[in-house]
Each structure stands twice: as structure tokens, then as C-alpha cells.
PDB file of N, CA and C in Angstrom:
ATOM      1  N   MET A   1      -3.618   7.771   2.187  1.00  0.00           N
ATOM      2  CA  MET A   1      -4.867   7.692   2.171  1.00  0.00           C
ATOM      3  C   MET A   1      -5.436   6.900   3.155  1.00  0.00           C
ATOM      4  N   ARG A   2      -6.246   7.198   4.236  1.00  0.00           N
ATOM      5  CA  ARG A   2      -6.768   6.036   4.971  1.00  0.00           C
ATOM      6  C   ARG A   2      -8.275   5.892   4.234  1.00  0.00           C
ATOM      7  N   ARG A   3      -8.712   4.501   4.279  1.00  0.00           N
ATOM      8  CA  ARG A   3     -10.212   4.390   3.744  1.00  0.00           C
ATOM      9  C   ARG A   3     -11.008   4.007   5.406  1.00  0.00           C
ATOM     10  N   PRO A   4     -12.277   4.118   4.865  1.00  0.00           N
ATOM     11  CA  PRO A   4     -12.862   3.856   5.933  1.00  0.00           C
ATOM     12  C   PRO A   4     -13.172   2.612   6.678  1.00  0.00           C
ATOM     13  N   SER A   5     -13.005   2.449   8.065  1.00  0.00           N
ATOM     14  CA  SER A   5     -13.234   0.819   8.178  1.00  0.00           C
ATOM     15  C   SER A   5     -14.418   0.673   8.988  1.00  0.00           C
ATOM     16  N   VAL A   6     -14.502  -0.893   9.414  1.00  0.00           N
ATOM     17  CA  VAL A   6     -15.571  -1.121  10.527  1.00  0.00           C
ATOM     18  C   VAL A   6     -15.044  -1.558  11.582  1.00  0.00           C
ATOM     19  N   VAL A   7     -13.957  -2.243  11.614  1.00  0.00           N
ATOM     20  CA  VAL A   7     -13.555  -2.607  12.551  1.00  0.00           C
ATOM     21  C   VAL A   7     -11.955  -1.651  13.269  1.00  0.00           C
ATOM     22  N   ARG A   8     -11.684  -1.244  14.169  1.00  0.00           N
ATOM     23  CA  ARG A   8     -10.699  -1.051  14.224  1.00  0.00           C
ATOM     24  C   ARG A   8      -9.353  -1.437  15.352  1.00  0.00           C
ATOM     25  N   ARG A   9      -8.152  -1.660  14.813  1.00  0.00           N
ATOM     26  CA  ARG A   9      -7.548  -2.295  15.278  1.00  0.00           C
ATOM     27  C   ARG A   9      -6.371  -1.973  16.033  1.00  0.00           C
ATOM     28  N   ALA A  10      -6.231  -2.031  17.057  1.00  0.00           N
ATOM     29  CA  ALA A  10      -4.959  -1.487  18.067  1.00  0.00           C
ATOM     30  C   ALA A  10      -3.827  -2.480  18.720  1.00  0.00           C
ATOM     31  N   VAL A  11      -2.686  -2.372  18.576  1.00  0.00           N
ATOM     32  CA  VAL A  11      -1.796  -3.347  18.275  1.00  0.00           C
ATOM     33  C   VAL A  11      -0.729  -2.626  19.300  1.00  0.00           C
ATOM     34  N   TYR A  12      -0.242  -3.652  20.749  1.00  0.00           N
ATOM     35  CA  TYR A  12       0.408  -2.630  21.490  1.00  0.00           C
ATOM     36  C   TYR A  12       1.636  -3.326  21.765  1.00  0.00           C
ATOM     37  N   PRO A  13       2.722  -2.824  21.418  1.00  0.00           N
ATOM     38  CA  PRO A  13       4.211  -3.464  21.524  1.00  0.00           C
ATOM     39  C   PRO A  13       4.350  -3.970  22.877  1.00  0.00           C
ATOM     40  N   THR A  14       4.146  -5.192  23.303  1.00  0.00           N
ATOM     41  CA  THR A  14       4.392  -5.544  24.568  1.00  0.00           C
ATOM     42  C   THR A  14       4.815  -7.081  24.275  1.00  0.00           C
ATOM     43  N   VAL A  15       5.242  -7.360  25.055  1.00  0.00           N
ATOM     44  CA  VAL A  15       5.753  -9.230  25.347  1.00  0.00           C
ATOM     45  C   VAL A  15       4.758 -10.127  25.957  1.00  0.00           C
ATOM     46  N   PRO A  16       3.798 -11.117  25.505  1.00  0.00           N
ATOM     47  CA  PRO A  16       3.649 -11.023  24.043  1.00  0.00           C
ATOM     48  C   PRO A  16       2.928 -10.205  23.818  1.00  0.00           C
ATOM     49  N   PRO A  17       2.651  -9.840  22.075  1.00  0.00           N
ATOM     50  CA  PRO A  17       2.112  -8.858  21.523  1.00  0.00           C
ATOM     51  C   PRO A  17       0.682  -8.811  21.847  1.00  0.00           C
ATOM     52  N   ARG A  18       0.059  -7.848  22.092  1.00  0.00           N
ATOM     53  CA  ARG A  18      -1.395  -8.102  22.261  1.00  0.00           C
ATOM     54  C   ARG A  18      -2.320  -6.985  21.270  1.00  0.00           C
ATOM     55  N   VAL A  19      -3.140  -7.371  20.547  1.00  0.00           N
ATOM     56  CA  VAL A  19      -4.261  -6.627  19.654  1.00  0.00           C
ATOM     57  C   VAL A  19      -5.497  -6.766  20.386  1.00  0.00           C
ATOM     58  N   GLU A  20      -6.135  -5.614  20.129  1.00  0.00           N
ATOM     59  CA  GLU A  20      -7.269  -5.558  20.466  1.00  0.00           C
ATOM     60  C   GLU A  20      -8.233  -4.434  19.135  1.00  0.00           C
ATOM     61  N   TYR A  21      -9.226  -5.509  19.471  1.00  0.00           N
ATOM     62  CA  TYR A  21     -10.193  -4.975  18.167  1.00  0.00           C
ATOM     63  C   TYR A  21     -11.080  -4.405  18.328  1.00  0.00           C
ATOM     64  N   SER A  22     -12.008  -3.174  17.948  1.00  0.00           N
ATOM     65  CA  SER A  22     -13.497  -2.809  18.122  1.00  0.00           C
ATOM     66  C   SER A  22     -13.899  -2.192  17.016  1.00  0.00           C
ATOM     67  N   LEU A  23     -15.291  -2.147  17.248  1.00  0.00           N
ATOM     68  CA  LEU A  23     -16.150  -1.695  16.108  1.00  0.00           C
ATOM     69  C   LEU A  23     -15.575  -0.127  16.060  1.00  0.00           C
ATOM     70  N   THR A  24     -15.571   0.370  14.805  1.00  0.00           N
ATOM     71  CA  THR A  24     -15.829   1.769  14.648  1.00  0.00           C
ATOM     72  C   THR A  24     -17.705   2.520  14.694  1.00  0.00           C
ATOM     73  N   PRO A  25     -17.745   3.483  14.501  1.00  0.00           N
ATOM     74  CA  PRO A  25     -19.042   4.194  14.453  1.00  0.00           C
ATOM     75  C   PRO A  25     -19.757   3.336  13.241  1.00  0.00           C
ATOM     76  N   LEU A  26     -18.573   3.325  11.850  1.00  0.00           N
ATOM     77  CA  LEU A  26     -19.373   2.757  10.935  1.00  0.00           C
ATOM     78  C   LEU A  26     -19.525   1.372  11.094  1.00  0.00           C
ATOM     79  N   GLY A  27     -18.743   0.788  11.731  1.00  0.00           N
ATOM     80  CA  GLY A  27     -19.080  -0.810  12.137  1.00  0.00           C
ATOM     81  C   GLY A  27     -20.249  -1.112  12.793  1.00  0.00           C
ATOM     82  N   ALA A  28     -20.501   0.379  13.931  1.00  0.00           N
ATOM     83  CA  ALA A  28     -21.876  -0.328  14.954  1.00  0.00           C
ATOM     84  C   ALA A  28     -22.999  -0.168  13.641  1.00  0.00           C
ATOM     85  N   ASP A  29     -22.885   0.996  13.155  1.00  0.00           N
ATOM     86  CA  ASP A  29     -24.127   1.392  12.049  1.00  0.00           C
ATOM     87  C   ASP A  29     -24.437  -0.337  11.590  1.00  0.00           C
ATOM     88  N   LEU A  30     -23.125  -0.303  10.649  1.00  0.00           N
ATOM     89  CA  LEU A  30     -23.360  -1.751   9.867  1.00  0.00           C
ATOM     90  C   LEU A  30     -23.902  -2.746  10.852  1.00  0.00           C
ATOM     91  N   GLY A  31     -23.885  -3.129  12.003  1.00  0.00           N
ATOM     92  CA  GLY A  31     -24.284  -3.890  12.817  1.00  0.00           C
ATOM     93  C   GLY A  31     -25.689  -3.820  12.954  1.00  0.00           C
ATOM     94  N   ARG A  32     -26.363  -2.348  13.146  1.00  0.00           N
ATOM     95  CA  ARG A  32     -27.567  -2.483  13.540  1.00  0.00           C
ATOM     96  C   ARG A  32     -28.118  -2.976  12.214  1.00  0.00           C
ATOM     97  N   LEU A  33     -27.452  -2.686  11.109  1.00  0.00           N
ATOM     98  CA  LEU A  33     -28.149  -3.631   9.688  1.00  0.00           C
ATOM     99  C   LEU A  33     -28.493  -4.623  10.066  1.00  0.00           C
ATOM    100  N   THR A  34     -27.414  -5.504  10.274  1.00  0.00           N
ATOM    101  CA  THR A  34     -27.045  -6.781  10.107  1.00  0.00           C
ATOM    102  C   THR A  34     -28.106  -7.386  11.189  1.00  0.00           C
ATOM    103  N   HIS A  35     -28.035  -7.079  12.262  1.00  0.00           N
ATOM    104  CA  HIS A  35     -28.974  -7.308  13.631  1.00  0.00           C
ATOM    105  C   HIS A  35     -30.443  -7.246  12.892  1.00  0.00           C
ATOM    106  N   ALA A  36     -30.828  -6.041  12.360  1.00  0.00           N
ATOM    107  CA  ALA A  36     -32.281  -5.981  12.016  1.00  0.00           C
ATOM    108  C   ALA A  36     -32.356  -7.501  10.509  1.00  0.00           C
ATOM    109  N   MET A  37     -31.325  -7.600   9.980  1.00  0.00           N
ATOM    110  CA  MET A  37     -31.608  -8.678   9.182  1.00  0.00           C
ATOM    111  C   MET A  37     -31.843 -10.253   9.515  1.00  0.00           C
ATOM    112  N   GLY A  38     -31.278 -10.310  10.519  1.00  0.00           N
ATOM    113  CA  GLY A  38     -31.304 -11.583  11.867  1.00  0.00           C
ATOM    114  C   GLY A  38     -32.483 -11.601  12.192  1.00  0.00           C
ATOM    115  N   GLN A  39     -33.199 -10.588  12.795  1.00  0.00           N
ATOM    116  CA  GLN A  39     -34.416 -10.302  13.023  1.00  0.00           C
ATOM    117  C   GLN A  39     -35.455 -10.915  12.089  1.00  0.00           C
ATOM    118  N   TRP A  40     -35.510  -9.971  11.138  1.00  0.00           N
ATOM    119  CA  TRP A  40     -36.391 -10.883   9.734  1.00  0.00           C
ATOM    120  C   TRP A  40     -36.029 -12.113   9.385  1.00  0.00           C
ATOM    121  N   ALA A  41     -35.133 -12.705   9.379  1.00  0.00           N
ATOM    122  CA  ALA A  41     -34.997 -13.979   8.945  1.00  0.00           C
ATOM    123  C   ALA A  41     -35.692 -15.007  10.091  1.00  0.00           C
ATOM    124  N   LEU A  42     -35.299 -14.666  11.437  1.00  0.00           N
ATOM    125  CA  LEU A  42     -36.174 -15.481  12.561  1.00  0.00           C
ATOM    126  C   LEU A  42     -37.204 -15.110  12.580  1.00  0.00           C
ATOM    127  N   ARG A  43     -38.080 -14.256  12.306  1.00  0.00           N
ATOM    128  CA  ARG A  43     -39.582 -13.778  12.387  1.00  0.00           C
ATOM    129  C   ARG A  43     -40.188 -14.522  11.027  1.00  0.00           C
ATOM    130  N   ASN A  44     -39.326 -15.164   9.951  1.00  0.00           N
ATOM    131  CA  ASN A  44     -39.871 -15.478   8.896  1.00  0.00           C
ATOM    132  C   ASN A  44     -39.255 -16.859   8.653  1.00  0.00           C
ATOM    133  N   VAL A  45     -38.444 -17.530   9.664  1.00  0.00           N
ATOM    134  CA  VAL A  45     -37.346 -18.781   9.298  1.00  0.00           C
ATOM    135  C   VAL A  45     -38.831 -19.978   9.008  1.00  0.00           C
ATOM    136  N   ASP A  46     -39.897 -20.073   9.232  1.00  0.00           N
ATOM    137  CA  ASP A  46     -40.718 -21.244   8.736  1.00  0.00           C
ATOM    138  C   ASP A  46     -41.116 -20.901   7.388  1.00  0.00           C
ATOM    139  N   GLU A  47     -41.140 -19.751   6.890  1.00  0.00           N
ATOM    140  CA  GLU A  47     -41.695 -19.770   5.260  1.00  0.00           C
ATOM    141  C   GLU A  47     -40.084 -19.842   4.379  1.00  0.00           C
ATOM    142  N   ILE A  48     -38.954 -18.802   5.142  1.00  0.00           N
ATOM    143  CA  ILE A  48     -37.686 -19.476   4.403  1.00  0.00           C
ATOM    144  C   ILE A  48     -37.684 -21.326   4.143  1.00  0.00           C
ATOM    145  N   ASN A  49     -37.778 -21.760   5.205  1.00  0.00           N
ATOM    146  CA  ASN A  49     -37.624 -23.371   5.408  1.00  0.00           C
ATOM    147  C   ASN A  49     -38.514 -24.017   4.279  1.00  0.00           C
ATOM    148  N   ALA A  50     -39.734 -23.330   4.297  1.00  0.00           N
ATOM    149  CA  ALA A  50     -40.999 -24.254   3.415  1.00  0.00           C
ATOM    150  C   ALA A  50     -40.217 -23.758   1.996  1.00  0.00           C
ATOM    151  N   ALA A  51     -39.700 -22.467   1.867  1.00  0.00           N
ATOM    152  CA  ALA A  51     -39.100 -22.165   0.377  1.00  0.00           C
ATOM    153  C   ALA A  51     -38.372 -23.174  -0.414  1.00  0.00           C
ATOM    154  N   ARG A  52     -37.315 -23.455   1.079  1.00  0.00           N
ATOM    155  CA  ARG A  52     -36.315 -24.245   0.761  1.00  0.00           C
ATOM    156  C   ARG A  52     -36.294 -25.401   0.334  1.00  0.00           C
ATOM    157  N   ALA A  53     -37.393 -26.162   1.141  1.00  0.00           N
ATOM    158  CA  ALA A  53     -37.607 -27.542   1.148  1.00  0.00           C
ATOM    159  C   ALA A  53     -38.720 -27.510  -0.725  1.00  0.00           C
ATOM    160  N   ALA A  54     -39.604 -26.950  -0.764  1.00  0.00           N
ATOM    161  CA  ALA A  54     -40.189 -26.749  -2.430  1.00  0.00           C
ATOM    162  C   ALA A  54     -38.845 -26.940  -3.364  1.00  0.00           C
ATOM    163  N   PHE A  55     -37.543 -26.101  -3.222  1.00  0.00           N
ATOM    164  CA  PHE A  55     -36.404 -26.125  -4.106  1.00  0.00           C
ATOM    165  C   PHE A  55     -36.077 -27.328  -4.229  1.00  0.00           C
ATOM    166  N   ASP A  56     -35.679 -27.542  -3.155  1.00  0.00           N
ATOM    167  CA  ASP A  56     -35.287 -29.092  -3.193  1.00  0.00           C
ATOM    168  C   ASP A  56     -35.839 -30.220  -3.657  1.00  0.00           C
ATOM    169  N   GLU A  57     -37.141 -29.926  -3.382  1.00  0.00           N
ATOM    170  CA  GLU A  57     -37.936 -31.280  -4.016  1.00  0.00           C
ATOM    171  C   GLU A  57     -37.894 -30.915  -5.572  1.00  0.00           C
ATOM    172  N   ARG A  58     -38.280 -29.801  -6.172  1.00  0.00           N
ATOM    173  CA  ARG A  58     -38.201 -29.655  -7.545  1.00  0.00           C
ATOM    174  C   ARG A  58     -36.947 -29.645  -8.185  1.00  0.00           C
ATOM    175  N   ALA A  59     -35.775 -29.557  -7.487  1.00  0.00           N
ATOM    176  CA  ALA A  59     -34.486 -30.134  -7.940  1.00  0.00           C
ATOM    177  C   ALA A  59     -34.206 -31.672  -8.007  1.00  0.00           C
ATOM    178  N   ALA A  60     -34.669 -31.842  -7.121  1.00  0.00           N
ATOM    179  CA  ALA A  60     -34.712 -33.665  -6.980  1.00  0.00           C
ATOM    180  C   ALA A  60     -35.480 -34.854  -8.095  1.00  0.00           C
ATOM    181  N   ARG A  61     -36.532 -33.896  -8.574  1.00  0.00           N
ATOM    182  CA  ARG A  61     -37.069 -34.691  -9.886  1.00  0.00           C
ATOM    183  C   ARG A  61     -36.437 -34.810 -11.022  1.00  0.00           C
ATOM    184  N   GLU A  62     -36.926 -35.761 -11.468  1.00  0.00           N
ATOM    185  CA  GLU A  62     -35.918 -35.771 -12.968  1.00  0.00           C
ATOM    186  C   GLU A  62     -36.577 -34.380 -13.924  1.00  0.00           C
ATOM    187  N   PRO A  63     -35.526 -33.766 -14.496  1.00  0.00           N
ATOM    188  CA  PRO A  63     -35.726 -32.671 -15.409  1.00  0.00           C
ATOM    189  C   PRO A  63     -36.675 -32.935 -16.268  1.00  0.00           C
ATOM    190  N   GLU A  64     -37.950 -31.698 -16.855  1.00  0.00           N
ATOM    191  CA  GLU A  64     -38.844 -32.303 -17.850  1.00  0.00           C
ATOM    192  C   GLU A  64     -38.395 -31.766 -19.206  1.00  0.00           C
ATOM    193  N   PRO A  65     -38.830 -32.338 -20.031  1.00  0.00           N
ATOM    194  CA  PRO A  65     -38.280 -32.070 -21.695  1.00  0.00           C
ATOM    195  C   PRO A  65     -39.023 -30.451 -21.955  1.00  0.00           C
ATOM    196  N   LEU A  66     -37.725 -29.922 -22.627  1.00  0.00           N
ATOM    197  CA  LEU A  66     -38.140 -28.653 -22.780  1.00  0.00           C
ATOM    198  C   LEU A  66     -39.325 -28.846 -24.167  1.00  0.00           C
ATOM    199  N   SER A  67     -40.336 -28.016 -24.415  1.00  0.00           N
ATOM    200  CA  SER A  67     -41.299 -28.254 -25.297  1.00  0.00           C
ATOM    201  C   SER A  67     -41.206 -27.490 -26.459  1.00  0.00           C
ATOM    202  N   SER A  68     -40.830 -27.515 -27.636  1.00  0.00           N
ATOM    203  CA  SER A  68     -40.599 -26.486 -28.751  1.00  0.00           C
ATOM    204  C   SER A  68     -41.891 -26.126 -29.630  1.00  0.00           C
TER     205      SER A  68
END
């Protein structure tokens, strides 16, 4: 049984061998989702970088003792 895939691979019996790759309809649909995620990241890059910097700053400090 063939499983659905996102990439189609076509092999041509030539010398030298030739292989072509293309997206299946499922792959194109996935591409639209990953493109939307990339656009979201670009719109929010300043907030993402600020959150990273705050995390790095907290991680660089000495650990605080646990209170009991």
C-alpha cells in the first residue's frame, strides 16, 4: 500500500541517471501552511527576539535557591 507523500520523485533511466522532484497536492497544501507560519514569524520578529533575549538573560543569572 502506498502512503501519501508531500514530494513526488521521478527517476529516469538515463546515463547519467536523472531524478526530478516536485510537490504533490498534499505538499503544496503543506507549503501554504509553512508559508503562513513564516509570514507570522516575520511580523512578530521583534517580539520573538525580545523574548529570546529575556530568556537568555534569566538563564545567565545564578540560580536562585528554592524556598521551603
